[in-house]
Amino acid sequence: MKILNSAQMNEIDRRTIESGIPGLILMENAAMRVVELIEEKFSPLSERRVVVVCGRGNNGGDGLAIARQLWSRFRPKSMHVLLTTASGDLNKDAAANFKMLQASGCPNLIQGPLAAPPVEARFADLLIDAVLGTGVNGPASGIPLEAIQMINTQFPVAKVVSVDVPSGLPTDSGALLGEFVRADYTVTFTAYKLGQVLSPAGDHMGELRLGAIGTPPEMIGDDAALNIRLITPRWIAPLFAPRAKDANKGNYGHVLIVAGSRGKSGAAAMAGMAALRAGAGLVTVATTESAMPAVAAHAPELMTEPLPETESGGMAEHAFAFIEQYSEGKNIVAVGPGVGRHPETVKVVRKMYRELPNTLVIDADGLNALAGGDWKGSGTPRILTPHPGEMGRLTGKPTSAIQEDRVGTARNFASAVAAQVVLKGHRTLLAIPGGDVYVNPTGSPAMATGGTGDILTGLIAGLLAQKEDPIAIAAAVYLHGLSGEIGARHVGEQALTATDLLRYFPDAIREMAARTAAISSGLM
């Protein structure tokens, strides 16, 4: 699903209007989408005390249309429409909606600017925020800022529904630049916006709903330069279609996991079990001789192969010959979890990157081994899965710089080294060489615990073994995060462990399927 910046959204609206759909119709449709959510969440509306706060632009025009529909259809117990400006200062379409609202007989149309709402309006239990829309990317100031502060302080019991974006939140950035409305629900239109899916602004929108307002689908095509999309359940669902009745394990790939060292056998076992849980037909874990018994004892489903080791228990340099042999006939090879940083191990990982003909997933100490290397691969796909600190080591930048421009960092690095990059963290990103970036909407702070990255490595490898395509990586990231959300619901954010993600992975697949069905039926 396409994600747009404010300039793209404005251009799409302009082209839509030029195509013959008037701005007033777009406003009316936008109002309908908001009213649909309000009716779903706040019925019976005849018992509600409603306040609608409207700015002077198109967002305010949407708010005026919402007020008219609410008043005409539901006659709330009380209704106040507060303008931030005099009606004569409204833009053309907003002014037209103000006249229609007057004609509907709606009471309490109060023109601003307002320092405070009328006393009786403060008892509202539902507030519609229509002050600022997607055209604003700097901090709110002046009269709009005063309206935002009024919304945040003067309505102690009201639930807030924001129109398109909570007023004051930036459209094109995850940064919090100033005061903004704290929304319980946000209804956005046509497509998600950058600021709605990037950290941390998206966390302040409450429940986010996307509504169609009549924009022709071809105007939201794939030709825009931004090339950022949201990973959605509908996109990844086909990977989990029922299997053929005569299927066998050979149909679903064989993964080789090169992981573990003395004292770090758990990382290898978790990655291996994750690949199996993701549906791979067979999984072999190649690990050091001293770690192999612990890995084999962890799960009887895992096959194991020994690797020669250094005195400290890491992979010895001549382990590469064994890995090369073990990788024959394997669809996917994953390397890194728990391998350590011994200089001989570093040489093995770099040689794997350069020479193995298999698709290769690299994580953890595998990434650290590649830092400072020449990035000359074998020509087959390479998938890198760094967290921000590891990305900093790969790029030579401080972690703070990575976090300030996660999209740009992931996109530029993927293209520079011709690898697919999974930049982990809140709103994990998948960047594809050539510029496409996919944003993952799932995840939980509960996942900030050791081993969750090893689980993701295995999930990516296991799904890639069944379908070598970026959609498999996207599915692994989405379901990894959703497993964390479900686990946090059951055991809490503090108690979740990495292996709980495997426990809840089947539930995540079922919930993903349910979300897909809801989207298809128009319920989401």
Protein backbone atom coordinates (compact mmCIF):
# COMPACT_ATOMS: atom_id res chain seq x y z
CA MET A 1 0.00 0.00 0.00
CA LYS A 2 1.44 3.33 -1.11
CA ILE A 3 2.59 5.89 1.46
CA LEU A 4 2.57 9.52 0.34
CA ASN A 5 4.19 12.76 1.37
CA SER A 6 2.28 16.03 1.54
CA ALA A 7 3.42 17.26 -1.87
CA GLN A 8 2.29 14.04 -3.54
CA MET A 9 -1.06 14.16 -1.73
CA ASN A 10 -1.65 17.75 -2.80
CA GLU A 11 -0.78 16.87 -6.39
CA ILE A 12 -3.15 13.89 -6.37
CA ASP A 13 -5.96 16.07 -4.99
CA ARG A 14 -5.29 18.68 -7.68
CA ARG A 15 -5.35 16.10 -10.47
CA THR A 16 -8.50 14.52 -9.04
CA ILE A 17 -10.30 17.87 -9.10
CA GLU A 18 -9.06 18.56 -12.62
CA SER A 19 -10.36 15.17 -13.72
CA GLY A 20 -13.89 16.33 -12.92
CA ILE A 21 -14.46 15.48 -9.24
CA PRO A 22 -15.04 18.81 -7.42
CA GLY A 23 -13.31 19.60 -4.16
CA LEU A 24 -16.69 19.83 -2.44
CA ILE A 25 -17.40 16.20 -3.37
CA LEU A 26 -14.04 15.13 -1.98
CA MET A 27 -14.87 16.97 1.26
CA GLU A 28 -18.29 15.35 1.43
CA ASN A 29 -16.78 11.91 0.92
CA ALA A 30 -14.10 12.60 3.53
CA ALA A 31 -16.80 13.66 5.98
CA MET A 32 -18.71 10.45 5.28
CA ARG A 33 -15.64 8.34 6.13
CA VAL A 34 -15.21 10.16 9.45
CA VAL A 35 -18.91 9.93 10.30
CA GLU A 36 -18.83 6.20 9.56
CA LEU A 37 -16.12 5.74 12.18
CA ILE A 38 -17.95 7.98 14.65
CA GLU A 39 -21.19 6.04 14.17
CA GLU A 40 -19.31 2.75 14.69
CA LYS A 41 -17.48 3.87 17.83
CA PHE A 42 -19.85 6.33 19.55
CA SER A 43 -23.46 5.28 18.95
CA PRO A 44 -26.05 6.30 19.96
CA LEU A 45 -25.00 9.72 18.73
CA SER A 46 -28.27 11.26 19.89
CA GLU A 47 -26.86 10.96 23.43
CA ARG A 48 -23.52 12.59 22.64
CA ARG A 49 -22.26 16.09 23.35
CA VAL A 50 -20.23 17.02 20.28
CA VAL A 51 -17.71 19.77 19.56
CA VAL A 52 -16.18 20.28 16.12
CA VAL A 53 -13.13 22.59 15.92
CA CYS A 54 -12.46 23.81 12.36
CA GLY A 55 -9.56 25.67 10.78
CA ARG A 56 -9.79 27.96 7.77
CA GLY A 57 -8.54 25.53 5.09
CA ASN A 58 -9.62 22.26 3.52
CA ASN A 59 -9.28 20.36 6.79
CA GLY A 60 -11.69 22.83 8.35
CA GLY A 61 -14.01 22.35 5.38
CA ASP A 62 -14.00 18.61 6.08
CA GLY A 63 -14.90 19.41 9.69
CA LEU A 64 -17.82 21.62 8.67
CA ALA A 65 -19.15 18.88 6.42
CA ILE A 66 -18.80 16.38 9.28
CA ALA A 67 -20.73 18.73 11.59
CA ARG A 68 -23.56 19.06 9.05
CA GLN A 69 -23.83 15.30 8.55
CA LEU A 70 -23.82 14.66 12.30
CA TRP A 71 -26.45 17.30 12.95
CA SER A 72 -28.67 16.38 10.01
CA ARG A 73 -28.60 12.64 10.63
CA PHE A 74 -28.26 12.15 14.39
CA ARG A 75 -29.20 15.37 16.25
CA PRO A 76 -26.64 15.02 19.09
CA LYS A 77 -27.70 16.05 22.59
CA SER A 78 -25.55 19.16 22.18
CA MET A 79 -23.55 20.50 19.24
CA HIS A 80 -20.93 23.24 19.09
CA VAL A 81 -18.94 24.16 15.97
CA LEU A 82 -15.95 26.35 16.81
CA LEU A 83 -14.15 28.17 13.99
CA THR A 84 -10.59 29.35 14.50
CA THR A 85 -11.33 32.38 12.32
CA ALA A 86 -14.20 34.48 11.05
CA SER A 87 -16.28 32.74 8.37
CA GLY A 88 -15.25 35.39 5.86
CA ASP A 89 -11.64 34.14 6.09
CA LEU A 90 -12.46 30.52 5.17
CA ASN A 91 -11.18 29.21 1.87
CA LYS A 92 -13.65 28.70 -0.98
CA ASP A 93 -14.80 25.13 -0.33
CA ALA A 94 -14.74 25.55 3.44
CA ALA A 95 -16.88 28.69 3.10
CA ALA A 96 -19.39 26.77 0.96
CA ASN A 97 -19.62 24.09 3.64
CA PHE A 98 -20.12 26.75 6.31
CA LYS A 99 -23.12 28.11 4.39
CA MET A 100 -24.57 24.61 4.04
CA LEU A 101 -24.07 24.04 7.77
CA GLN A 102 -25.92 27.27 8.52
CA ALA A 103 -28.74 26.17 6.23
CA SER A 104 -29.04 22.87 8.09
CA GLY A 105 -30.03 24.71 11.25
CA CYS A 106 -27.07 23.50 13.27
CA PRO A 107 -26.87 25.49 16.53
CA ASN A 108 -23.88 27.11 18.19
CA LEU A 109 -21.79 28.11 15.17
CA ILE A 110 -19.15 30.16 16.94
CA GLN A 111 -16.60 32.17 14.94
CA GLY A 112 -13.11 32.80 16.23
CA PRO A 113 -10.43 33.32 17.02
CA LEU A 114 -11.23 31.76 20.41
CA ALA A 115 -9.11 31.87 23.55
CA ALA A 116 -11.43 29.36 25.24
CA PRO A 117 -14.59 27.42 24.37
CA PRO A 118 -18.02 28.29 25.77
CA VAL A 119 -18.52 26.79 29.21
CA GLU A 120 -21.28 24.42 28.05
CA ALA A 121 -19.04 23.06 25.25
CA ARG A 122 -16.42 21.89 27.74
CA PHE A 123 -18.66 18.99 28.78
CA ALA A 124 -18.37 17.45 25.30
CA ASP A 125 -17.68 13.73 25.22
CA LEU A 126 -16.77 13.74 21.50
CA LEU A 127 -14.49 16.27 19.80
CA ILE A 128 -13.71 16.44 16.08
CA ASP A 129 -10.29 17.96 15.38
CA ALA A 130 -10.29 19.65 11.95
CA VAL A 131 -7.83 22.50 12.52
CA LEU A 132 -4.76 21.58 10.44
CA GLY A 133 -4.36 18.94 7.75
CA THR A 134 -1.55 17.38 5.75
CA GLY A 135 -0.33 20.64 4.23
CA VAL A 136 1.55 21.66 7.38
CA ASN A 137 4.97 20.21 8.21
CA GLY A 138 6.51 22.79 10.52
CA PRO A 139 5.41 23.37 14.12
CA ALA A 140 1.97 24.87 14.61
CA SER A 141 1.94 28.54 15.50
CA GLY A 142 -0.42 31.48 15.93
CA ILE A 143 -4.15 30.87 16.01
CA PRO A 144 -3.93 27.17 14.99
CA LEU A 145 -1.53 26.57 17.90
CA GLU A 146 -3.95 28.25 20.28
CA ALA A 147 -6.75 25.99 18.96
CA ILE A 148 -4.58 22.89 19.48
CA GLN A 149 -3.79 23.97 23.04
CA MET A 150 -7.49 24.58 23.65
CA ILE A 151 -8.37 21.08 22.41
CA ASN A 152 -5.72 19.51 24.62
CA THR A 153 -6.63 21.38 27.82
CA GLN A 154 -10.26 22.50 27.77
CA PHE A 155 -12.19 19.28 27.07
CA PRO A 156 -11.35 16.92 29.94
CA VAL A 157 -13.70 14.04 29.08
CA ALA A 158 -13.89 14.21 25.29
CA LYS A 159 -12.68 11.46 23.01
CA VAL A 160 -10.89 13.05 20.05
CA VAL A 161 -11.32 12.10 16.40
CA SER A 162 -8.83 13.83 14.11
CA VAL A 163 -9.50 14.49 10.44
CA ASP A 164 -6.68 13.23 8.16
CA VAL A 165 -3.94 13.89 10.74
CA PRO A 166 -3.97 15.16 14.34
CA SER A 167 -3.48 18.90 14.06
CA GLY A 168 0.14 19.86 14.55
CA LEU A 169 1.68 16.50 13.70
CA PRO A 170 4.01 16.62 10.68
CA THR A 171 2.95 14.83 7.49
CA ASP A 172 6.37 14.01 6.09
CA SER A 173 8.39 13.19 9.19
CA GLY A 174 8.30 11.11 12.32
CA ALA A 175 9.70 14.04 14.30
CA LEU A 176 7.59 15.85 16.88
CA LEU A 177 8.13 19.52 16.06
CA GLY A 178 5.74 21.25 18.44
CA GLU A 179 2.35 21.04 20.13
CA PHE A 180 -0.14 18.63 18.56
CA VAL A 181 -3.57 17.19 19.24
CA ARG A 182 -3.66 13.90 21.14
CA ALA A 183 -6.14 11.85 19.13
CA ASP A 184 -8.00 8.70 20.10
CA TYR A 185 -8.92 8.05 16.47
CA THR A 186 -7.63 9.40 13.18
CA VAL A 187 -9.28 8.97 9.78
CA THR A 188 -6.93 9.66 6.90
CA PHE A 189 -7.82 9.70 3.22
CA THR A 190 -6.65 8.16 -0.05
CA ALA A 191 -3.33 6.80 1.30
CA TYR A 192 -1.31 6.72 4.49
CA LYS A 193 1.11 9.60 5.00
CA LEU A 194 4.77 9.37 5.95
CA GLY A 195 4.31 10.91 9.38
CA GLN A 196 1.54 8.44 10.16
CA VAL A 197 3.73 5.39 9.77
CA LEU A 198 7.14 6.62 10.96
CA SER A 199 8.24 6.83 14.58
CA PRO A 200 7.30 8.54 16.80
CA ALA A 201 4.52 10.70 15.34
CA GLY A 202 2.38 7.76 14.29
CA ASP A 203 2.08 6.65 17.91
CA HIS A 204 -0.03 9.70 18.75
CA MET A 205 -2.84 9.13 16.26
CA GLY A 206 -4.82 6.59 18.23
CA GLU A 207 -6.56 4.07 16.04
CA LEU A 208 -5.76 4.97 12.44
CA ARG A 209 -8.37 4.36 9.74
CA LEU A 210 -7.89 4.82 5.98
CA GLY A 211 -10.86 5.96 3.91
CA ALA A 212 -11.45 6.28 0.17
CA ILE A 213 -12.89 9.61 -0.97
CA GLY A 214 -13.16 9.08 -4.71
CA THR A 215 -9.60 9.56 -5.90
CA PRO A 216 -9.09 7.43 -9.04
CA PRO A 217 -6.78 4.53 -8.08
CA GLU A 218 -4.48 5.12 -11.05
CA MET A 219 -3.52 8.49 -9.54
CA ILE A 220 -1.94 6.65 -6.60
CA GLY A 221 0.18 4.57 -8.94
CA ASP A 222 3.74 3.36 -8.78
CA ASP A 223 5.30 6.26 -10.68
CA ALA A 224 5.89 8.55 -7.71
CA ALA A 225 9.51 9.12 -6.78
CA LEU A 226 9.00 8.43 -3.08
CA ASN A 227 8.46 4.65 -3.48
CA ILE A 228 7.53 3.98 0.13
CA ARG A 229 4.81 1.45 0.92
CA LEU A 230 3.19 -0.06 3.97
CA ILE A 231 3.42 -3.81 4.55
CA THR A 232 -0.19 -4.95 4.72
CA PRO A 233 -1.79 -8.28 5.65
CA ARG A 234 -3.55 -8.43 2.29
CA TRP A 235 -0.20 -8.26 0.46
CA ILE A 236 1.46 -11.08 2.39
CA ALA A 237 -1.59 -13.33 2.88
CA PRO A 238 -1.08 -15.37 -0.35
CA LEU A 239 2.09 -16.84 1.15
CA PHE A 240 -0.09 -18.66 3.67
CA ALA A 241 -2.64 -20.21 1.33
CA PRO A 242 -3.54 -23.86 2.08
CA ARG A 243 -0.90 -26.31 0.95
CA ALA A 244 -1.47 -28.91 -1.74
CA LYS A 245 -2.86 -32.20 -0.43
CA ASP A 246 0.09 -34.15 -1.84
CA ALA A 247 2.75 -31.75 -0.48
CA ASN A 248 5.95 -33.06 1.07
CA LYS A 249 8.83 -31.48 2.96
CA GLY A 250 10.85 -31.16 -0.22
CA ASN A 251 8.33 -28.65 -1.56
CA TYR A 252 9.13 -26.09 1.14
CA GLY A 253 12.86 -25.68 1.00
CA HIS A 254 15.90 -26.60 3.06
CA VAL A 255 17.53 -23.90 5.20
CA LEU A 256 21.09 -23.95 6.48
CA ILE A 257 21.65 -21.88 9.62
CA VAL A 258 25.32 -21.10 10.36
CA ALA A 259 25.20 -19.89 13.93
CA GLY A 260 26.30 -20.36 17.51
CA SER A 261 29.59 -20.79 19.32
CA ARG A 262 30.70 -21.95 22.73
CA GLY A 263 28.25 -20.46 25.25
CA LYS A 264 25.93 -19.13 22.52
CA SER A 265 24.13 -22.25 21.35
CA GLY A 266 20.74 -20.70 22.16
CA ALA A 267 21.00 -18.19 19.30
CA ALA A 268 21.56 -21.02 16.82
CA ALA A 269 18.69 -23.09 18.21
CA MET A 270 16.26 -20.15 18.17
CA ALA A 271 17.10 -19.23 14.58
CA GLY A 272 16.73 -22.84 13.51
CA MET A 273 13.38 -23.34 15.26
CA ALA A 274 12.11 -20.05 13.80
CA ALA A 275 12.90 -21.25 10.28
CA LEU A 276 10.91 -24.42 10.97
CA ARG A 277 8.02 -22.48 12.52
CA ALA A 278 7.93 -20.29 9.40
CA GLY A 279 7.21 -23.40 7.36
CA ALA A 280 10.53 -24.49 5.90
CA GLY A 281 10.51 -28.18 5.03
CA LEU A 282 13.95 -28.91 6.50
CA VAL A 283 16.41 -26.97 8.65
CA THR A 284 20.03 -27.83 9.31
CA VAL A 285 22.06 -25.91 11.89
CA ALA A 286 25.82 -25.86 11.33
CA THR A 287 27.52 -24.84 14.53
CA THR A 288 30.80 -25.31 16.36
CA GLU A 289 31.63 -28.74 17.71
CA SER A 290 31.30 -27.66 21.33
CA ALA A 291 27.90 -25.99 20.74
CA MET A 292 26.40 -28.75 18.61
CA PRO A 293 25.22 -31.06 21.42
CA ALA A 294 23.26 -28.23 23.06
CA VAL A 295 21.63 -27.27 19.76
CA ALA A 296 20.73 -30.88 18.99
CA ALA A 297 19.26 -31.33 22.46
CA HIS A 298 17.17 -28.18 22.14
CA ALA A 299 14.85 -29.51 19.43
CA PRO A 300 14.74 -32.95 17.80
CA GLU A 301 13.33 -31.41 14.60
CA LEU A 302 16.63 -29.67 13.87
CA MET A 303 19.39 -31.44 11.98
CA THR A 304 22.93 -30.44 12.95
CA GLU A 305 26.37 -30.41 11.39
CA PRO A 306 29.68 -29.71 13.18
CA LEU A 307 32.10 -26.91 12.37
CA PRO A 308 35.77 -26.81 13.47
CA GLU A 309 36.39 -24.19 16.10
CA THR A 310 39.06 -21.96 17.55
CA GLU A 311 40.43 -22.36 21.07
CA SER A 312 37.86 -19.82 22.27
CA GLY A 313 34.96 -21.75 20.75
CA GLY A 314 34.24 -19.71 17.60
CA MET A 315 34.33 -20.85 13.98
CA ALA A 316 37.83 -21.60 12.78
CA GLU A 317 38.98 -20.26 9.43
CA HIS A 318 38.91 -23.68 7.74
CA ALA A 319 35.20 -24.04 8.69
CA PHE A 320 34.40 -22.43 5.34
CA ALA A 321 35.13 -25.65 3.48
CA PHE A 322 32.59 -27.46 5.66
CA ILE A 323 29.99 -24.69 5.20
CA GLU A 324 30.51 -24.81 1.45
CA GLN A 325 29.80 -28.54 1.52
CA TYR A 326 26.79 -28.22 3.84
CA SER A 327 25.27 -25.45 1.69
CA GLU A 328 24.96 -27.66 -1.36
CA GLY A 329 21.28 -28.28 -2.08
CA LYS A 330 20.14 -25.66 0.43
CA ASN A 331 17.75 -22.94 -0.75
CA ILE A 332 18.76 -20.39 1.86
CA VAL A 333 21.76 -19.92 4.12
CA ALA A 334 21.55 -17.70 7.20
CA VAL A 335 24.63 -16.69 9.18
CA GLY A 336 25.40 -14.62 12.23
CA PRO A 337 23.41 -15.35 15.41
CA GLY A 338 25.86 -16.17 18.19
CA VAL A 339 28.93 -16.72 15.98
CA GLY A 340 31.11 -14.26 17.92
CA ARG A 341 33.81 -11.92 16.64
CA HIS A 342 36.97 -14.00 16.56
CA PRO A 343 39.23 -12.87 13.66
CA GLU A 344 39.02 -16.32 12.07
CA THR A 345 35.22 -16.22 12.28
CA VAL A 346 35.24 -12.82 10.59
CA LYS A 347 37.22 -14.30 7.70
CA VAL A 348 34.71 -17.16 7.34
CA VAL A 349 31.71 -14.81 7.21
CA ARG A 350 33.36 -12.53 4.66
CA LYS A 351 34.23 -15.50 2.47
CA MET A 352 30.64 -16.75 2.71
CA TYR A 353 29.42 -13.35 1.59
CA ARG A 354 31.81 -13.28 -1.38
CA GLU A 355 31.62 -16.86 -2.57
CA LEU A 356 28.51 -18.79 -1.56
CA PRO A 357 26.08 -19.10 -4.50
CA ASN A 358 23.09 -19.43 -2.15
CA THR A 359 20.76 -16.62 -1.12
CA LEU A 360 22.29 -15.41 2.15
CA VAL A 361 20.67 -13.85 5.23
CA ILE A 362 23.17 -12.06 7.51
CA ASP A 363 22.48 -10.91 11.06
CA ALA A 364 24.14 -10.07 14.37
CA ASP A 365 27.85 -10.91 14.49
CA GLY A 366 27.66 -11.78 10.80
CA LEU A 367 26.99 -8.10 10.15
CA ASN A 368 29.76 -7.01 12.48
CA ALA A 369 32.13 -9.24 10.51
CA LEU A 370 31.18 -7.46 7.28
CA ALA A 371 31.72 -3.94 8.63
CA GLY A 372 34.61 -2.38 6.78
CA GLY A 373 34.56 -5.02 4.05
CA ASP A 374 34.39 -4.50 0.30
CA TRP A 375 30.77 -5.74 -0.16
CA LYS A 376 31.64 -7.80 -3.23
CA GLY A 377 29.10 -10.61 -3.21
CA SER A 378 28.62 -13.63 -5.44
CA GLY A 379 25.81 -11.99 -7.41
CA THR A 380 23.06 -13.93 -5.63
CA PRO A 381 20.69 -12.17 -3.20
CA ARG A 382 22.04 -10.89 0.11
CA ILE A 383 19.70 -9.87 2.93
CA LEU A 384 21.17 -7.76 5.76
CA THR A 385 19.20 -7.36 9.00
CA PRO A 386 20.92 -4.70 11.16
CA HIS A 387 19.58 -2.89 14.18
CA PRO A 388 20.54 0.82 14.28
CA GLY A 389 23.81 0.18 16.11
CA GLU A 390 24.87 -2.44 13.58
CA MET A 391 23.81 -0.16 10.73
CA GLY A 392 26.02 2.51 12.25
CA ARG A 393 28.98 0.14 12.13
CA LEU A 394 28.19 -0.85 8.55
CA THR A 395 27.93 2.75 7.34
CA GLY A 396 30.46 4.40 9.66
CA LYS A 397 27.78 6.74 11.03
CA PRO A 398 26.71 7.32 14.64
CA THR A 399 23.49 5.60 15.70
CA SER A 400 21.85 9.00 16.20
CA ALA A 401 22.37 9.82 12.51
CA ILE A 402 20.82 6.48 11.52
CA GLN A 403 17.74 7.18 13.62
CA GLU A 404 17.35 10.71 12.28
CA ASP A 405 16.93 9.42 8.71
CA ARG A 406 16.03 5.75 8.85
CA VAL A 407 14.35 5.69 5.43
CA GLY A 408 17.19 7.49 3.66
CA THR A 409 19.85 5.40 5.40
CA ALA A 410 18.23 2.07 4.58
CA ARG A 411 17.43 3.07 0.99
CA ASN A 412 20.88 4.46 0.22
CA PHE A 413 22.75 1.57 1.79
CA ALA A 414 20.63 -1.07 0.02
CA SER A 415 21.39 0.53 -3.32
CA ALA A 416 25.08 1.10 -2.52
CA VAL A 417 25.81 -2.54 -1.63
CA ALA A 418 23.14 -4.15 -3.87
CA ALA A 419 21.54 -5.95 -0.91
CA GLN A 420 18.10 -6.06 0.64
CA VAL A 421 18.26 -4.30 4.00
CA VAL A 422 15.99 -4.89 6.98
CA LEU A 423 16.62 -1.95 9.33
CA LYS A 424 15.17 -3.16 12.61
CA GLY A 425 13.57 -1.06 15.32
CA HIS A 426 10.28 0.70 15.85
CA ARG A 427 8.72 0.67 12.36
CA THR A 428 11.19 -1.81 10.88
CA LEU A 429 12.05 -0.97 7.26
CA LEU A 430 12.74 -3.22 4.29
CA ALA A 431 14.79 -1.45 1.62
CA ILE A 432 15.26 -2.94 -1.85
CA PRO A 433 18.10 -1.97 -4.22
CA GLY A 434 16.69 0.58 -6.61
CA GLY A 435 14.88 2.67 -4.02
CA ASP A 436 11.73 0.90 -2.83
CA VAL A 437 11.18 0.97 0.94
CA TYR A 438 8.52 -0.97 2.85
CA VAL A 439 7.42 0.10 6.33
CA ASN A 440 6.28 -2.47 8.87
CA PRO A 441 3.37 -1.34 11.10
CA THR A 442 3.56 -4.17 13.66
CA GLY A 443 5.67 -4.61 16.77
CA SER A 444 5.77 -4.01 20.52
CA PRO A 445 8.20 -2.63 23.13
CA ALA A 446 7.92 -6.11 24.67
CA MET A 447 10.27 -7.28 21.92
CA ALA A 448 13.17 -5.28 23.37
CA THR A 449 14.76 -8.41 24.78
CA GLY A 450 17.64 -10.67 23.81
CA GLY A 451 17.06 -13.19 21.05
CA THR A 452 14.24 -11.57 19.12
CA GLY A 453 16.65 -10.75 16.29
CA ASP A 454 17.69 -14.41 16.09
CA ILE A 455 14.03 -15.35 15.74
CA LEU A 456 13.60 -12.84 12.90
CA THR A 457 16.65 -14.24 11.09
CA GLY A 458 15.11 -17.71 11.17
CA LEU A 459 11.68 -16.50 10.09
CA ILE A 460 13.16 -14.66 7.11
CA ALA A 461 15.19 -17.71 6.09
CA GLY A 462 12.24 -20.07 6.54
CA LEU A 463 9.86 -17.98 4.45
CA LEU A 464 12.47 -17.29 1.77
CA ALA A 465 13.02 -21.04 1.47
CA GLN A 466 9.40 -21.28 0.30
CA LYS A 467 9.40 -18.18 -1.93
CA GLU A 468 12.53 -16.26 -2.84
CA ASP A 469 10.98 -12.83 -3.14
CA PRO A 470 10.96 -9.62 -1.06
CA ILE A 471 7.37 -10.44 -0.08
CA ALA A 472 8.72 -13.30 2.04
CA ILE A 473 11.02 -10.91 3.92
CA ALA A 474 8.14 -8.48 4.40
CA ALA A 475 5.91 -11.28 5.71
CA ALA A 476 8.58 -12.37 8.19
CA VAL A 477 8.97 -8.83 9.53
CA TYR A 478 5.19 -8.26 9.75
CA LEU A 479 4.44 -11.55 11.52
CA HIS A 480 7.47 -11.22 13.81
CA GLY A 481 6.08 -7.89 15.03
CA LEU A 482 2.52 -9.19 15.25
CA SER A 483 3.71 -12.19 17.30
CA GLY A 484 5.24 -9.66 19.70
CA GLU A 485 1.98 -7.73 19.93
CA ILE A 486 -0.01 -10.88 20.65
CA GLY A 487 2.55 -12.12 23.15
CA ALA A 488 2.48 -8.80 25.00
CA ARG A 489 -1.31 -9.08 25.28
CA HIS A 490 -0.95 -12.48 26.95
CA VAL A 491 2.10 -12.14 29.18
CA GLY A 492 2.73 -8.38 29.37
CA GLU A 493 5.51 -6.22 28.00
CA GLN A 494 8.03 -7.05 30.73
CA ALA A 495 7.61 -10.83 30.72
CA LEU A 496 7.83 -11.59 26.99
CA THR A 497 10.85 -13.66 25.91
CA ALA A 498 12.17 -14.31 22.42
CA THR A 499 10.91 -17.88 22.30
CA ASP A 500 7.41 -16.61 23.10
CA LEU A 501 7.42 -15.21 19.57
CA LEU A 502 7.54 -18.78 18.26
CA ARG A 503 4.69 -19.72 20.59
CA TYR A 504 2.48 -16.95 19.24
CA PHE A 505 3.56 -17.12 15.60
CA PRO A 506 0.60 -19.38 14.61
CA ASP A 507 -1.76 -16.89 16.27
CA ALA A 508 -0.12 -14.12 14.26
CA ILE A 509 -0.79 -15.98 11.01
CA ARG A 510 -4.44 -16.41 12.00
CA GLU A 511 -4.78 -12.75 13.00
CA MET A 512 -3.14 -11.68 9.74
CA ALA A 513 -5.70 -13.77 7.85
CA ALA A 514 -8.53 -12.23 9.87
CA ARG A 515 -7.29 -8.71 9.13
CA THR A 516 -7.10 -9.60 5.44
CA ALA A 517 -10.70 -10.83 5.49
CA ALA A 518 -11.83 -7.68 7.31
CA ILE A 519 -10.10 -5.44 4.76
CA SER A 520 -11.62 -7.40 1.88
CA SER A 521 -15.09 -7.03 3.37
CA GLY A 522 -14.65 -3.30 3.96
CA LEU A 523 -14.62 -3.52 7.77
CA MET A 524 -11.11 -2.03 8.07
